[in-house]
Amino acid sequence: MTMQLIKKYLFYLFRWQLSTPILAIVLWWLRGYNGIIVTIIANFIGGLIFFWVDRIIFRVEFTNPLWEIRNNIVCASCGKVCEGYRLVKTKNYDRINDKHPEFRCTECSKEKIKELSERGVII
């Protein structure tokens, strides 16, 4: 397990404990009603609140670049037919839904990465 995952897990356990007082208050406030119905209502209220907290805890961040590799492409830069590479996603660069992806040979791909880095598009 990575340190980042351990931190998220510990934060999640702490968040889980925060839900206890909220659920207890709802259960106490509605104590005269059917226990199952009250429990469902308490969990519904907890879900409304903690959905937003959990989104923050489990947000995915791209730290490693995502590449797509295909065989027998025509390089978008030099026209050579070869194995092609396409940078799909990094922290500041997202071409996941690109309708016309451009693949490049190894050499041209390195040049494109250098160009994007110099322009500050990718880090």
PDB file of N, CA and C in Angstrom:
ATOM      1  N   MET A   1       0.832  -1.185   0.000  1.00  0.00           N
ATOM      2  CA  MET A   1       0.000   0.000   0.000  1.00  0.00           C
ATOM      3  C   MET A   1       0.873   1.242   0.000  1.00  0.00           C
ATOM      4  N   THR A   2       0.488   2.218  -0.819  1.00  0.00           N
ATOM      5  CA  THR A   2       1.265   3.447  -0.871  1.00  0.00           C
ATOM      6  C   THR A   2       0.907   4.346   0.308  1.00  0.00           C
ATOM      7  N   MET A   3       1.794   5.285   0.601  1.00  0.00           N
ATOM      8  CA  MET A   3       1.554   6.214   1.706  1.00  0.00           C
ATOM      9  C   MET A   3       0.316   7.062   1.430  1.00  0.00           C
ATOM     10  N   GLN A   4       0.118   7.453   0.169  1.00  0.00           N
ATOM     11  CA  GLN A   4      -1.047   8.261  -0.179  1.00  0.00           C
ATOM     12  C   GLN A   4      -2.344   7.487   0.076  1.00  0.00           C
ATOM     13  N   LEU A   5      -2.357   6.210  -0.249  1.00  0.00           N
ATOM     14  CA  LEU A   5      -3.538   5.394  -0.018  1.00  0.00           C
ATOM     15  C   LEU A   5      -3.780   5.204   1.482  1.00  0.00           C
ATOM     16  N   ILE A   6      -2.739   5.029   2.260  1.00  0.00           N
ATOM     17  CA  ILE A   6      -2.878   4.895   3.716  1.00  0.00           C
ATOM     18  C   ILE A   6      -3.462   6.174   4.308  1.00  0.00           C
ATOM     19  N   LYS A   7      -2.990   7.337   3.849  1.00  0.00           N
ATOM     20  CA  LYS A   7      -3.528   8.615   4.330  1.00  0.00           C
ATOM     21  C   LYS A   7      -5.006   8.749   3.997  1.00  0.00           C
ATOM     22  N   LYS A   8      -5.375   8.367   2.769  1.00  0.00           N
ATOM     23  CA  LYS A   8      -6.798   8.420   2.385  1.00  0.00           C
ATOM     24  C   LYS A   8      -7.627   7.487   3.253  1.00  0.00           C
ATOM     25  N   TYR A   9      -7.085   6.321   3.515  1.00  0.00           N
ATOM     26  CA  TYR A   9      -7.806   5.335   4.331  1.00  0.00           C
ATOM     27  C   TYR A   9      -8.010   5.848   5.755  1.00  0.00           C
ATOM     28  N   LEU A  10      -6.966   6.421   6.355  1.00  0.00           N
ATOM     29  CA  LEU A  10      -7.089   6.960   7.713  1.00  0.00           C
ATOM     30  C   LEU A  10      -8.070   8.124   7.747  1.00  0.00           C
ATOM     31  N   PHE A  11      -8.021   8.978   6.724  1.00  0.00           N
ATOM     32  CA  PHE A  11      -8.962  10.094   6.648  1.00  0.00           C
ATOM     33  C   PHE A  11     -10.382   9.572   6.506  1.00  0.00           C
ATOM     34  N   TYR A  12     -10.571   8.517   5.717  1.00  0.00           N
ATOM     35  CA  TYR A  12     -11.886   7.924   5.544  1.00  0.00           C
ATOM     36  C   TYR A  12     -12.402   7.338   6.864  1.00  0.00           C
ATOM     37  N   LEU A  13     -11.528   6.664   7.608  1.00  0.00           N
ATOM     38  CA  LEU A  13     -11.945   6.137   8.909  1.00  0.00           C
ATOM     39  C   LEU A  13     -12.372   7.248   9.859  1.00  0.00           C
ATOM     40  N   PHE A  14     -11.629   8.363   9.841  1.00  0.00           N
ATOM     41  CA  PHE A  14     -12.004   9.528  10.652  1.00  0.00           C
ATOM     42  C   PHE A  14     -13.357  10.069  10.195  1.00  0.00           C
ATOM     43  N   ARG A  15     -13.559  10.187   8.891  1.00  0.00           N
ATOM     44  CA  ARG A  15     -14.840  10.642   8.339  1.00  0.00           C
ATOM     45  C   ARG A  15     -15.969   9.710   8.765  1.00  0.00           C
ATOM     46  N   TRP A  16     -15.700   8.436   8.763  1.00  0.00           N
ATOM     47  CA  TRP A  16     -16.712   7.448   9.156  1.00  0.00           C
ATOM     48  C   TRP A  16     -17.161   7.699  10.596  1.00  0.00           C
ATOM     49  N   GLN A  17     -16.215   8.025  11.466  1.00  0.00           N
ATOM     50  CA  GLN A  17     -16.554   8.309  12.860  1.00  0.00           C
ATOM     51  C   GLN A  17     -17.380   9.581  12.989  1.00  0.00           C
ATOM     52  N   LEU A  18     -17.178  10.549  12.115  1.00  0.00           N
ATOM     53  CA  LEU A  18     -17.968  11.780  12.147  1.00  0.00           C
ATOM     54  C   LEU A  18     -19.433  11.526  11.818  1.00  0.00           C
ATOM     55  N   SER A  19     -19.701  10.478  11.067  1.00  0.00           N
ATOM     56  CA  SER A  19     -21.091  10.183  10.727  1.00  0.00           C
ATOM     57  C   SER A  19     -21.870   9.647  11.930  1.00  0.00           C
ATOM     58  N   THR A  20     -21.190   9.092  12.906  1.00  0.00           N
ATOM     59  CA  THR A  20     -21.865   8.514  14.079  1.00  0.00           C
ATOM     60  C   THR A  20     -22.708   9.532  14.835  1.00  0.00           C
ATOM     61  N   PRO A  21     -22.176  10.716  15.215  1.00  0.00           N
ATOM     62  CA  PRO A  21     -23.012  11.672  15.940  1.00  0.00           C
ATOM     63  C   PRO A  21     -24.211  12.155  15.129  1.00  0.00           C
ATOM     64  N   ILE A  22     -24.027  12.322  13.826  1.00  0.00           N
ATOM     65  CA  ILE A  22     -25.148  12.777  12.995  1.00  0.00           C
ATOM     66  C   ILE A  22     -26.251  11.731  12.983  1.00  0.00           C
ATOM     67  N   LEU A  23     -25.858  10.483  12.784  1.00  0.00           N
ATOM     68  CA  LEU A  23     -26.858   9.408  12.795  1.00  0.00           C
ATOM     69  C   LEU A  23     -27.499   9.270  14.171  1.00  0.00           C
ATOM     70  N   ALA A  24     -26.726   9.411  15.230  1.00  0.00           N
ATOM     71  CA  ALA A  24     -27.262   9.303  16.594  1.00  0.00           C
ATOM     72  C   ALA A  24     -28.275  10.399  16.877  1.00  0.00           C
ATOM     73  N   ILE A  25     -27.995  11.619  16.425  1.00  0.00           N
ATOM     74  CA  ILE A  25     -28.925  12.731  16.642  1.00  0.00           C
ATOM     75  C   ILE A  25     -30.254  12.467  15.940  1.00  0.00           C
ATOM     76  N   VAL A  26     -30.188  11.996  14.700  1.00  0.00           N
ATOM     77  CA  VAL A  26     -31.422  11.695  13.961  1.00  0.00           C
ATOM     78  C   VAL A  26     -32.183  10.559  14.641  1.00  0.00           C
ATOM     79  N   LEU A  27     -31.464   9.526  15.068  1.00  0.00           N
ATOM     80  CA  LEU A  27     -32.131   8.406  15.758  1.00  0.00           C
ATOM     81  C   LEU A  27     -32.783   8.866  17.067  1.00  0.00           C
ATOM     82  N   TRP A  28     -32.099   9.744  17.787  1.00  0.00           N
ATOM     83  CA  TRP A  28     -32.653  10.253  19.045  1.00  0.00           C
ATOM     84  C   TRP A  28     -33.855  11.154  18.771  1.00  0.00           C
ATOM     85  N   TRP A  29     -33.743  12.017  17.773  1.00  0.00           N
ATOM     86  CA  TRP A  29     -34.787  12.977  17.450  1.00  0.00           C
ATOM     87  C   TRP A  29     -36.071  12.273  16.993  1.00  0.00           C
ATOM     88  N   LEU A  30     -35.936  11.146  16.294  1.00  0.00           N
ATOM     89  CA  LEU A  30     -37.090  10.395  15.787  1.00  0.00           C
ATOM     90  C   LEU A  30     -37.324   9.108  16.580  1.00  0.00           C
ATOM     91  N   ARG A  31     -36.939   9.101  17.868  1.00  0.00           N
ATOM     92  CA  ARG A  31     -36.955   7.873  18.671  1.00  0.00           C
ATOM     93  C   ARG A  31     -38.333   7.247  18.861  1.00  0.00           C
ATOM     94  N   GLY A  32     -39.393   7.991  18.670  1.00  0.00           N
ATOM     95  CA  GLY A  32     -40.732   7.438  18.886  1.00  0.00           C
ATOM     96  C   GLY A  32     -41.292   6.700  17.687  1.00  0.00           C
ATOM     97  N   TYR A  33     -40.576   6.701  16.595  1.00  0.00           N
ATOM     98  CA  TYR A  33     -41.080   6.078  15.376  1.00  0.00           C
ATOM     99  C   TYR A  33     -40.455   4.701  15.171  1.00  0.00           C
ATOM    100  N   ASN A  34     -40.935   3.995  14.157  1.00  0.00           N
ATOM    101  CA  ASN A  34     -40.440   2.665  13.818  1.00  0.00           C
ATOM    102  C   ASN A  34     -38.922   2.701  13.605  1.00  0.00           C
ATOM    103  N   GLY A  35     -38.204   1.803  14.282  1.00  0.00           N
ATOM    104  CA  GLY A  35     -36.745   1.790  14.254  1.00  0.00           C
ATOM    105  C   GLY A  35     -36.146   1.614  12.871  1.00  0.00           C
ATOM    106  N   ILE A  36     -36.745   0.773  12.054  1.00  0.00           N
ATOM    107  CA  ILE A  36     -36.211   0.542  10.712  1.00  0.00           C
ATOM    108  C   ILE A  36     -36.376   1.795   9.855  1.00  0.00           C
ATOM    109  N   ILE A  37     -37.541   2.417   9.922  1.00  0.00           N
ATOM    110  CA  ILE A  37     -37.796   3.640   9.150  1.00  0.00           C
ATOM    111  C   ILE A  37     -36.845   4.749   9.593  1.00  0.00           C
ATOM    112  N   VAL A  38     -36.660   4.896  10.900  1.00  0.00           N
ATOM    113  CA  VAL A  38     -35.770   5.928  11.440  1.00  0.00           C
ATOM    114  C   VAL A  38     -34.329   5.676  10.986  1.00  0.00           C
ATOM    115  N   THR A  39     -33.904   4.429  10.984  1.00  0.00           N
ATOM    116  CA  THR A  39     -32.556   4.087  10.540  1.00  0.00           C
ATOM    117  C   THR A  39     -32.372   4.423   9.058  1.00  0.00           C
ATOM    118  N   ILE A  40     -33.379   4.129   8.255  1.00  0.00           N
ATOM    119  CA  ILE A  40     -33.315   4.461   6.827  1.00  0.00           C
ATOM    120  C   ILE A  40     -33.217   5.975   6.643  1.00  0.00           C
ATOM    121  N   ILE A  41     -34.014   6.731   7.375  1.00  0.00           N
ATOM    122  CA  ILE A  41     -33.975   8.193   7.288  1.00  0.00           C
ATOM    123  C   ILE A  41     -32.612   8.719   7.732  1.00  0.00           C
ATOM    124  N   ALA A  42     -32.089   8.186   8.829  1.00  0.00           N
ATOM    125  CA  ALA A  42     -30.777   8.631   9.334  1.00  0.00           C
ATOM    126  C   ALA A  42     -29.674   8.348   8.316  1.00  0.00           C
ATOM    127  N   ASN A  43     -29.701   7.164   7.710  1.00  0.00           N
ATOM    128  CA  ASN A  43     -28.689   6.835   6.694  1.00  0.00           C
ATOM    129  C   ASN A  43     -28.856   7.693   5.437  1.00  0.00           C
ATOM    130  N   PHE A  44     -30.083   8.015   5.089  1.00  0.00           N
ATOM    131  CA  PHE A  44     -30.329   8.889   3.943  1.00  0.00           C
ATOM    132  C   PHE A  44     -29.737  10.279   4.202  1.00  0.00           C
ATOM    133  N   ILE A  45     -29.963  10.820   5.386  1.00  0.00           N
ATOM    134  CA  ILE A  45     -29.402  12.132   5.744  1.00  0.00           C
ATOM    135  C   ILE A  45     -27.877  12.068   5.752  1.00  0.00           C
ATOM    136  N   GLY A  46     -27.312  11.013   6.320  1.00  0.00           N
ATOM    137  CA  GLY A  46     -25.863  10.841   6.309  1.00  0.00           C
ATOM    138  C   GLY A  46     -25.316  10.770   4.893  1.00  0.00           C
ATOM    139  N   GLY A  47     -26.017  10.073   4.008  1.00  0.00           N
ATOM    140  CA  GLY A  47     -25.596   9.983   2.614  1.00  0.00           C
ATOM    141  C   GLY A  47     -25.625  11.330   1.919  1.00  0.00           C
ATOM    142  N   LEU A  48     -26.655  12.132   2.220  1.00  0.00           N
ATOM    143  CA  LEU A  48     -26.737  13.479   1.635  1.00  0.00           C
ATOM    144  C   LEU A  48     -25.549  14.339   2.049  1.00  0.00           C
ATOM    145  N   ILE A  49     -25.118  14.191   3.275  1.00  0.00           N
ATOM    146  CA  ILE A  49     -24.011  14.996   3.796  1.00  0.00           C
ATOM    147  C   ILE A  49     -22.671  14.441   3.325  1.00  0.00           C
ATOM    148  N   PHE A  50     -22.448  13.160   3.541  1.00  0.00           N
ATOM    149  CA  PHE A  50     -21.108  12.601   3.359  1.00  0.00           C
ATOM    150  C   PHE A  50     -20.775  12.202   1.929  1.00  0.00           C
ATOM    151  N   PHE A  51     -21.749  12.234   1.031  1.00  0.00           N
ATOM    152  CA  PHE A  51     -21.449  12.019  -0.385  1.00  0.00           C
ATOM    153  C   PHE A  51     -20.402  13.027  -0.846  1.00  0.00           C
ATOM    154  N   TRP A  52     -20.575  14.287  -0.448  1.00  0.00           N
ATOM    155  CA  TRP A  52     -19.685  15.365  -0.874  1.00  0.00           C
ATOM    156  C   TRP A  52     -18.303  15.215  -0.249  1.00  0.00           C
ATOM    157  N   VAL A  53     -18.254  14.785   0.996  1.00  0.00           N
ATOM    158  CA  VAL A  53     -16.963  14.572   1.654  1.00  0.00           C
ATOM    159  C   VAL A  53     -16.233  13.407   0.990  1.00  0.00           C
ATOM    160  N   ASP A  54     -16.932  12.334   0.700  1.00  0.00           N
ATOM    161  CA  ASP A  54     -16.316  11.171   0.062  1.00  0.00           C
ATOM    162  C   ASP A  54     -15.800  11.495  -1.344  1.00  0.00           C
ATOM    163  N   ARG A  55     -16.482  12.380  -2.056  1.00  0.00           N
ATOM    164  CA  ARG A  55     -15.989  12.785  -3.383  1.00  0.00           C
ATOM    165  C   ARG A  55     -14.613  13.420  -3.270  1.00  0.00           C
ATOM    166  N   ILE A  56     -14.414  14.211  -2.224  1.00  0.00           N
ATOM    167  CA  ILE A  56     -13.117  14.855  -2.016  1.00  0.00           C
ATOM    168  C   ILE A  56     -12.067  13.815  -1.637  1.00  0.00           C
ATOM    169  N   ILE A  57     -12.417  12.905  -0.738  1.00  0.00           N
ATOM    170  CA  ILE A  57     -11.469  11.889  -0.269  1.00  0.00           C
ATOM    171  C   ILE A  57     -11.009  11.007  -1.430  1.00  0.00           C
ATOM    172  N   PHE A  58     -11.928  10.598  -2.292  1.00  0.00           N
ATOM    173  CA  PHE A  58     -11.607   9.626  -3.326  1.00  0.00           C
ATOM    174  C   PHE A  58     -11.393  10.243  -4.701  1.00  0.00           C
ATOM    175  N   ARG A  59     -11.124  11.542  -4.751  1.00  0.00           N
ATOM    176  CA  ARG A  59     -10.827  12.194  -6.026  1.00  0.00           C
ATOM    177  C   ARG A  59      -9.566  11.557  -6.609  1.00  0.00           C
ATOM    178  N   VAL A  60      -9.640  11.228  -7.884  1.00  0.00           N
ATOM    179  CA  VAL A  60      -8.505  10.618  -8.566  1.00  0.00           C
ATOM    180  C   VAL A  60      -7.664  11.720  -9.201  1.00  0.00           C
ATOM    181  N   GLU A  61      -6.376  11.679  -8.958  1.00  0.00           N
ATOM    182  CA  GLU A  61      -5.473  12.630  -9.567  1.00  0.00           C
ATOM    183  C   GLU A  61      -4.479  11.872 -10.430  1.00  0.00           C
ATOM    184  N   PHE A  62      -4.291  12.370 -11.635  1.00  0.00           N
ATOM    185  CA  PHE A  62      -3.321  11.761 -12.536  1.00  0.00           C
ATOM    186  C   PHE A  62      -1.943  12.281 -12.199  1.00  0.00           C
ATOM    187  N   THR A  63      -1.064  11.400 -11.782  1.00  0.00           N
ATOM    188  CA  THR A  63       0.310  11.793 -11.535  1.00  0.00           C
ATOM    189  C   THR A  63       1.229  11.174 -12.588  1.00  0.00           C
ATOM    190  N   ASN A  64       0.795  10.077 -13.168  1.00  0.00           N
ATOM    191  CA  ASN A  64       1.558   9.432 -14.231  1.00  0.00           C
ATOM    192  C   ASN A  64       0.831   9.633 -15.548  1.00  0.00           C
ATOM    193  N   PRO A  65       1.552   9.870 -16.621  1.00  0.00           N
ATOM    194  CA  PRO A  65       0.882  10.072 -17.904  1.00  0.00           C
ATOM    195  C   PRO A  65       0.212   8.796 -18.404  1.00  0.00           C
ATOM    196  N   LEU A  66      -0.894   8.978 -19.096  1.00  0.00           N
ATOM    197  CA  LEU A  66      -1.623   7.875 -19.705  1.00  0.00           C
ATOM    198  C   LEU A  66      -1.349   7.917 -21.207  1.00  0.00           C
ATOM    199  N   TRP A  67      -0.841   6.814 -21.734  1.00  0.00           N
ATOM    200  CA  TRP A  67      -0.477   6.722 -23.144  1.00  0.00           C
ATOM    201  C   TRP A  67      -1.351   5.696 -23.850  1.00  0.00           C
ATOM    202  N   GLU A  68      -1.558   5.901 -25.141  1.00  0.00           N
ATOM    203  CA  GLU A  68      -2.196   4.904 -25.993  1.00  0.00           C
ATOM    204  C   GLU A  68      -1.175   4.519 -27.060  1.00  0.00           C
ATOM    205  N   ILE A  69      -1.051   3.236 -27.302  1.00  0.00           N
ATOM    206  CA  ILE A  69      -0.083   2.732 -28.282  1.00  0.00           C
ATOM    207  C   ILE A  69      -0.839   1.869 -29.292  1.00  0.00           C
ATOM    208  N   ARG A  70      -0.566   2.111 -30.571  1.00  0.00           N
ATOM    209  CA  ARG A  70      -1.186   1.319 -31.641  1.00  0.00           C
ATOM    210  C   ARG A  70      -0.124   0.897 -32.648  1.00  0.00           C
ATOM    211  N   ASN A  71      -0.373  -0.229 -33.288  1.00  0.00           N
ATOM    212  CA  ASN A  71       0.510  -0.717 -34.356  1.00  0.00           C
ATOM    213  C   ASN A  71       0.046  -0.200 -35.706  1.00  0.00           C
ATOM    214  N   ASN A  72       0.976  -0.120 -36.634  1.00  0.00           N
ATOM    215  CA  ASN A  72       0.694   0.232 -38.023  1.00  0.00           C
ATOM    216  C   ASN A  72      -0.078   1.539 -38.181  1.00  0.00           C
ATOM    217  N   ILE A  73       0.435   2.578 -37.585  1.00  0.00           N
ATOM    218  CA  ILE A  73      -0.163   3.902 -37.746  1.00  0.00           C
ATOM    219  C   ILE A  73       0.690   4.703 -38.723  1.00  0.00           C
ATOM    220  N   VAL A  74       0.139   5.779 -39.206  1.00  0.00           N
ATOM    221  CA  VAL A  74       0.913   6.732 -39.996  1.00  0.00           C
ATOM    222  C   VAL A  74       1.223   7.889 -39.049  1.00  0.00           C
ATOM    223  N   CYS A  75       2.499   8.137 -38.822  1.00  0.00           N
ATOM    224  CA  CYS A  75       2.930   9.194 -37.906  1.00  0.00           C
ATOM    225  C   CYS A  75       2.362  10.535 -38.375  1.00  0.00           C
ATOM    226  N   ALA A  76       1.720  11.259 -37.444  1.00  0.00           N
ATOM    227  CA  ALA A  76       1.112  12.549 -37.765  1.00  0.00           C
ATOM    228  C   ALA A  76       2.152  13.613 -38.104  1.00  0.00           C
ATOM    229  N   SER A  77       3.395  13.390 -37.731  1.00  0.00           N
ATOM    230  CA  SER A  77       4.440  14.379 -37.995  1.00  0.00           C
ATOM    231  C   SER A  77       5.295  14.052 -39.214  1.00  0.00           C
ATOM    232  N   CYS A  78       5.784  12.815 -39.303  1.00  0.00           N
ATOM    233  CA  CYS A  78       6.727  12.486 -40.384  1.00  0.00           C
ATOM    234  C   CYS A  78       6.143  11.560 -41.446  1.00  0.00           C
ATOM    235  N   GLY A  79       4.980  10.963 -41.204  1.00  0.00           N
ATOM    236  CA  GLY A  79       4.338  10.104 -42.199  1.00  0.00           C
ATOM    237  C   GLY A  79       4.817   8.670 -42.229  1.00  0.00           C
ATOM    238  N   LYS A  80       5.746   8.297 -41.353  1.00  0.00           N
ATOM    239  CA  LYS A  80       6.275   6.931 -41.321  1.00  0.00           C
ATOM    240  C   LYS A  80       5.200   5.969 -40.792  1.00  0.00           C
ATOM    241  N   VAL A  81       5.119   4.777 -41.374  1.00  0.00           N
ATOM    242  CA  VAL A  81       4.201   3.736 -40.883  1.00  0.00           C
ATOM    243  C   VAL A  81       4.958   2.913 -39.856  1.00  0.00           C
ATOM    244  N   CYS A  82       4.434   2.872 -38.632  1.00  0.00           N
ATOM    245  CA  CYS A  82       5.149   2.206 -37.540  1.00  0.00           C
ATOM    246  C   CYS A  82       4.230   2.055 -36.329  1.00  0.00           C
ATOM    247  N   GLU A  83       4.826   1.618 -35.232  1.00  0.00           N
ATOM    248  CA  GLU A  83       4.107   1.614 -33.959  1.00  0.00           C
ATOM    249  C   GLU A  83       3.967   3.073 -33.532  1.00  0.00           C
ATOM    250  N   GLY A  84       2.753   3.469 -33.112  1.00  0.00           N
ATOM    251  CA  GLY A  84       2.513   4.872 -32.801  1.00  0.00           C
ATOM    252  C   GLY A  84       2.123   5.099 -31.357  1.00  0.00           C
ATOM    253  N   TYR A  85       2.488   6.255 -30.869  1.00  0.00           N
ATOM    254  CA  TYR A  85       2.239   6.641 -29.484  1.00  0.00           C
ATOM    255  C   TYR A  85       1.412   7.913 -29.447  1.00  0.00           C
ATOM    256  N   ARG A  86       0.534   7.979 -28.464  1.00  0.00           N
ATOM    257  CA  ARG A  86      -0.285   9.159 -28.276  1.00  0.00           C
ATOM    258  C   ARG A  86      -0.398   9.438 -26.791  1.00  0.00           C
ATOM    259  N   LEU A  87      -0.022  10.636 -26.364  1.00  0.00           N
ATOM    260  CA  LEU A  87      -0.216  11.042 -24.977  1.00  0.00           C
ATOM    261  C   LEU A  87      -1.691  11.368 -24.812  1.00  0.00           C
ATOM    262  N   VAL A  88      -2.347  10.699 -23.876  1.00  0.00           N
ATOM    263  CA  VAL A  88      -3.782  10.850 -23.707  1.00  0.00           C
ATOM    264  C   VAL A  88      -4.110  11.803 -22.560  1.00  0.00           C
ATOM    265  N   LYS A  89      -3.454  11.605 -21.403  1.00  0.00           N
ATOM    266  CA  LYS A  89      -3.810  12.422 -20.245  1.00  0.00           C
ATOM    267  C   LYS A  89      -2.640  12.547 -19.288  1.00  0.00           C
ATOM    268  N   THR A  90      -2.452  13.774 -18.808  1.00  0.00           N
ATOM    269  CA  THR A  90      -1.555  14.066 -17.696  1.00  0.00           C
ATOM    270  C   THR A  90      -2.305  15.039 -16.803  1.00  0.00           C
ATOM    271  N   LYS A  91      -1.639  15.576 -15.816  1.00  0.00           N
ATOM    272  CA  LYS A  91      -2.302  16.479 -14.874  1.00  0.00           C
ATOM    273  C   LYS A  91      -2.926  17.690 -15.573  1.00  0.00           C
ATOM    274  N   ASN A  92      -2.222  18.286 -16.533  1.00  0.00           N
ATOM    275  CA  ASN A  92      -2.712  19.496 -17.201  1.00  0.00           C
ATOM    276  C   ASN A  92      -3.052  19.280 -18.677  1.00  0.00           C
ATOM    277  N   TYR A  93      -3.256  18.045 -19.079  1.00  0.00           N
ATOM    278  CA  TYR A  93      -3.455  17.727 -20.493  1.00  0.00           C
ATOM    279  C   TYR A  93      -4.441  16.578 -20.591  1.00  0.00           C
ATOM    280  N   ASP A  94      -5.535  16.765 -21.338  1.00  0.00           N
ATOM    281  CA  ASP A  94      -6.558  15.726 -21.419  1.00  0.00           C
ATOM    282  C   ASP A  94      -7.075  15.605 -22.851  1.00  0.00           C
ATOM    283  N   ARG A  95      -6.757  14.491 -23.485  1.00  0.00           N
ATOM    284  CA  ARG A  95      -7.240  14.216 -24.837  1.00  0.00           C
ATOM    285  C   ARG A  95      -7.981  12.872 -24.869  1.00  0.00           C
ATOM    286  N   ILE A  96      -8.649  12.534 -23.789  1.00  0.00           N
ATOM    287  CA  ILE A  96      -9.361  11.252 -23.718  1.00  0.00           C
ATOM    288  C   ILE A  96     -10.460  11.175 -24.778  1.00  0.00           C
ATOM    289  N   ASN A  97     -11.206  12.248 -24.963  1.00  0.00           N
ATOM    290  CA  ASN A  97     -12.333  12.227 -25.899  1.00  0.00           C
ATOM    291  C   ASN A  97     -11.984  12.814 -27.265  1.00  0.00           C
ATOM    292  N   ASP A  98     -10.725  12.812 -27.621  1.00  0.00           N
ATOM    293  CA  ASP A  98     -10.277  13.347 -28.907  1.00  0.00           C
ATOM    294  C   ASP A  98     -10.857  12.498 -30.033  1.00  0.00           C
ATOM    295  N   LYS A  99     -11.627  13.120 -30.923  1.00  0.00           N
ATOM    296  CA  LYS A  99     -12.268  12.380 -32.015  1.00  0.00           C
ATOM    297  C   LYS A  99     -11.300  12.051 -33.151  1.00  0.00           C
ATOM    298  N   HIS A 100     -10.199  12.796 -33.225  1.00  0.00           N
ATOM    299  CA  HIS A 100      -9.199  12.562 -34.270  1.00  0.00           C
ATOM    300  C   HIS A 100      -7.820  12.512 -33.626  1.00  0.00           C
ATOM    301  N   PRO A 101      -7.537  11.408 -32.909  1.00  0.00           N
ATOM    302  CA  PRO A 101      -6.245  11.333 -32.213  1.00  0.00           C
ATOM    303  C   PRO A 101      -5.075  11.261 -33.192  1.00  0.00           C
ATOM    304  N   GLU A 102      -3.982  11.882 -32.803  1.00  0.00           N
ATOM    305  CA  GLU A 102      -2.771  11.876 -33.617  1.00  0.00           C
ATOM    306  C   GLU A 102      -1.722  10.995 -32.957  1.00  0.00           C
ATOM    307  N   PHE A 103      -1.322   9.956 -33.675  1.00  0.00           N
ATOM    308  CA  PHE A 103      -0.271   9.070 -33.199  1.00  0.00           C
ATOM    309  C   PHE A 103       1.032   9.469 -33.861  1.00  0.00           C
ATOM    310  N   ARG A 104       2.118   9.269 -33.138  1.00  0.00           N
ATOM    311  CA  ARG A 104       3.436   9.618 -33.656  1.00  0.00           C
ATOM    312  C   ARG A 104       4.407   8.467 -33.407  1.00  0.00           C
ATOM    313  N   CYS A 105       5.432   8.415 -34.267  1.00  0.00           N
ATOM    314  CA  CYS A 105       6.505   7.442 -34.081  1.00  0.00           C
ATOM    315  C   CYS A 105       7.289   7.831 -32.815  1.00  0.00           C
ATOM    316  N   THR A 106       8.202   6.996 -32.400  1.00  0.00           N
ATOM    317  CA  THR A 106       8.970   7.243 -31.186  1.00  0.00           C
ATOM    318  C   THR A 106       9.681   8.591 -31.219  1.00  0.00           C
ATOM    319  N   GLU A 107      10.374   8.866 -32.298  1.00  0.00           N
ATOM    320  CA  GLU A 107      11.161  10.103 -32.386  1.00  0.00           C
ATOM    321  C   GLU A 107      10.257  11.341 -32.361  1.00  0.00           C
ATOM    322  N   CYS A 108       9.216  11.328 -33.177  1.00  0.00           N
ATOM    323  CA  CYS A 108       8.313  12.484 -33.246  1.00  0.00           C
ATOM    324  C   CYS A 108       7.520  12.655 -31.953  1.00  0.00           C
ATOM    325  N   SER A 109       7.217  11.538 -31.290  1.00  0.00           N
ATOM    326  CA  SER A 109       6.511  11.594 -30.017  1.00  0.00           C
ATOM    327  C   SER A 109       7.362  12.316 -28.968  1.00  0.00           C
ATOM    328  N   LYS A 110       8.665  12.002 -28.946  1.00  0.00           N
ATOM    329  CA  LYS A 110       9.573  12.682 -28.012  1.00  0.00           C
ATOM    330  C   LYS A 110       9.627  14.177 -28.307  1.00  0.00           C
ATOM    331  N   GLU A 111       9.650  14.541 -29.577  1.00  0.00           N
ATOM    332  CA  GLU A 111       9.668  15.961 -29.967  1.00  0.00           C
ATOM    333  C   GLU A 111       8.376  16.663 -29.535  1.00  0.00           C
ATOM    334  N   LYS A 112       7.244  15.991 -29.700  1.00  0.00           N
ATOM    335  CA  LYS A 112       5.947  16.572 -29.322  1.00  0.00           C
ATOM    336  C   LYS A 112       5.890  16.798 -27.809  1.00  0.00           C
ATOM    337  N   ILE A 113       6.396  15.843 -27.035  1.00  0.00           N
ATOM    338  CA  ILE A 113       6.429  15.988 -25.576  1.00  0.00           C
ATOM    339  C   ILE A 113       7.309  17.177 -25.196  1.00  0.00           C
ATOM    340  N   LYS A 114       8.435  17.295 -25.848  1.00  0.00           N
ATOM    341  CA  LYS A 114       9.339  18.420 -25.584  1.00  0.00           C
ATOM    342  C   LYS A 114       8.639  19.746 -25.887  1.00  0.00           C
ATOM    343  N   GLU A 115       7.950  19.807 -27.008  1.00  0.00           N
ATOM    344  CA  GLU A 115       7.221  21.025 -27.408  1.00  0.00           C
ATOM    345  C   GLU A 115       6.137  21.381 -26.388  1.00  0.00           C
ATOM    346  N   LEU A 116       5.346  20.383 -25.983  1.00  0.00           N
ATOM    347  CA  LEU A 116       4.275  20.636 -25.006  1.00  0.00           C
ATOM    348  C   LEU A 116       4.841  21.063 -23.663  1.00  0.00           C
ATOM    349  N   SER A 117       5.957  20.483 -23.277  1.00  0.00           N
ATOM    350  CA  SER A 117       6.608  20.854 -22.014  1.00  0.00           C
ATOM    351  C   SER A 117       7.105  22.302 -22.060  1.00  0.00           C
ATOM    352  N   GLU A 118       7.718  22.694 -23.176  1.00  0.00           N
ATOM    353  CA  GLU A 118       8.231  24.057 -23.317  1.00  0.00           C
ATOM    354  C   GLU A 118       7.110  25.082 -23.299  1.00  0.00           C
ATOM    355  N   ARG A 119       5.947  24.712 -23.832  1.00  0.00           N
ATOM    356  CA  ARG A 119       4.796  25.630 -23.835  1.00  0.00           C
ATOM    357  C   ARG A 119       4.072  25.640 -22.489  1.00  0.00           C
ATOM    358  N   GLY A 120       4.454  24.752 -21.597  1.00  0.00           N
ATOM    359  CA  GLY A 120       3.821  24.690 -20.273  1.00  0.00           C
ATOM    360  C   GLY A 120       2.496  23.952 -20.252  1.00  0.00           C
ATOM    361  N   VAL A 121       2.178  23.235 -21.364  1.00  0.00           N
ATOM    362  CA  VAL A 121       0.926  22.500 -21.438  1.00  0.00           C
ATOM    363  C   VAL A 121       0.980  21.291 -20.517  1.00  0.00           C
ATOM    364  N   ILE A 122       2.115  20.611 -20.509  1.00  0.00           N
ATOM    365  CA  ILE A 122       2.300  19.459 -19.613  1.00  0.00           C
ATOM    366  C   ILE A 122       3.544  19.715 -18.766  1.00  0.00           C
ATOM    367  N   ILE A 123       3.538  19.100 -17.636  1.00  0.00           N
ATOM    368  CA  ILE A 123       4.665  19.264 -16.690  1.00  0.00           C
ATOM    369  C   ILE A 123       5.380  17.952 -16.537  1.00  0.00           C
TER     370      ILE A 123
END
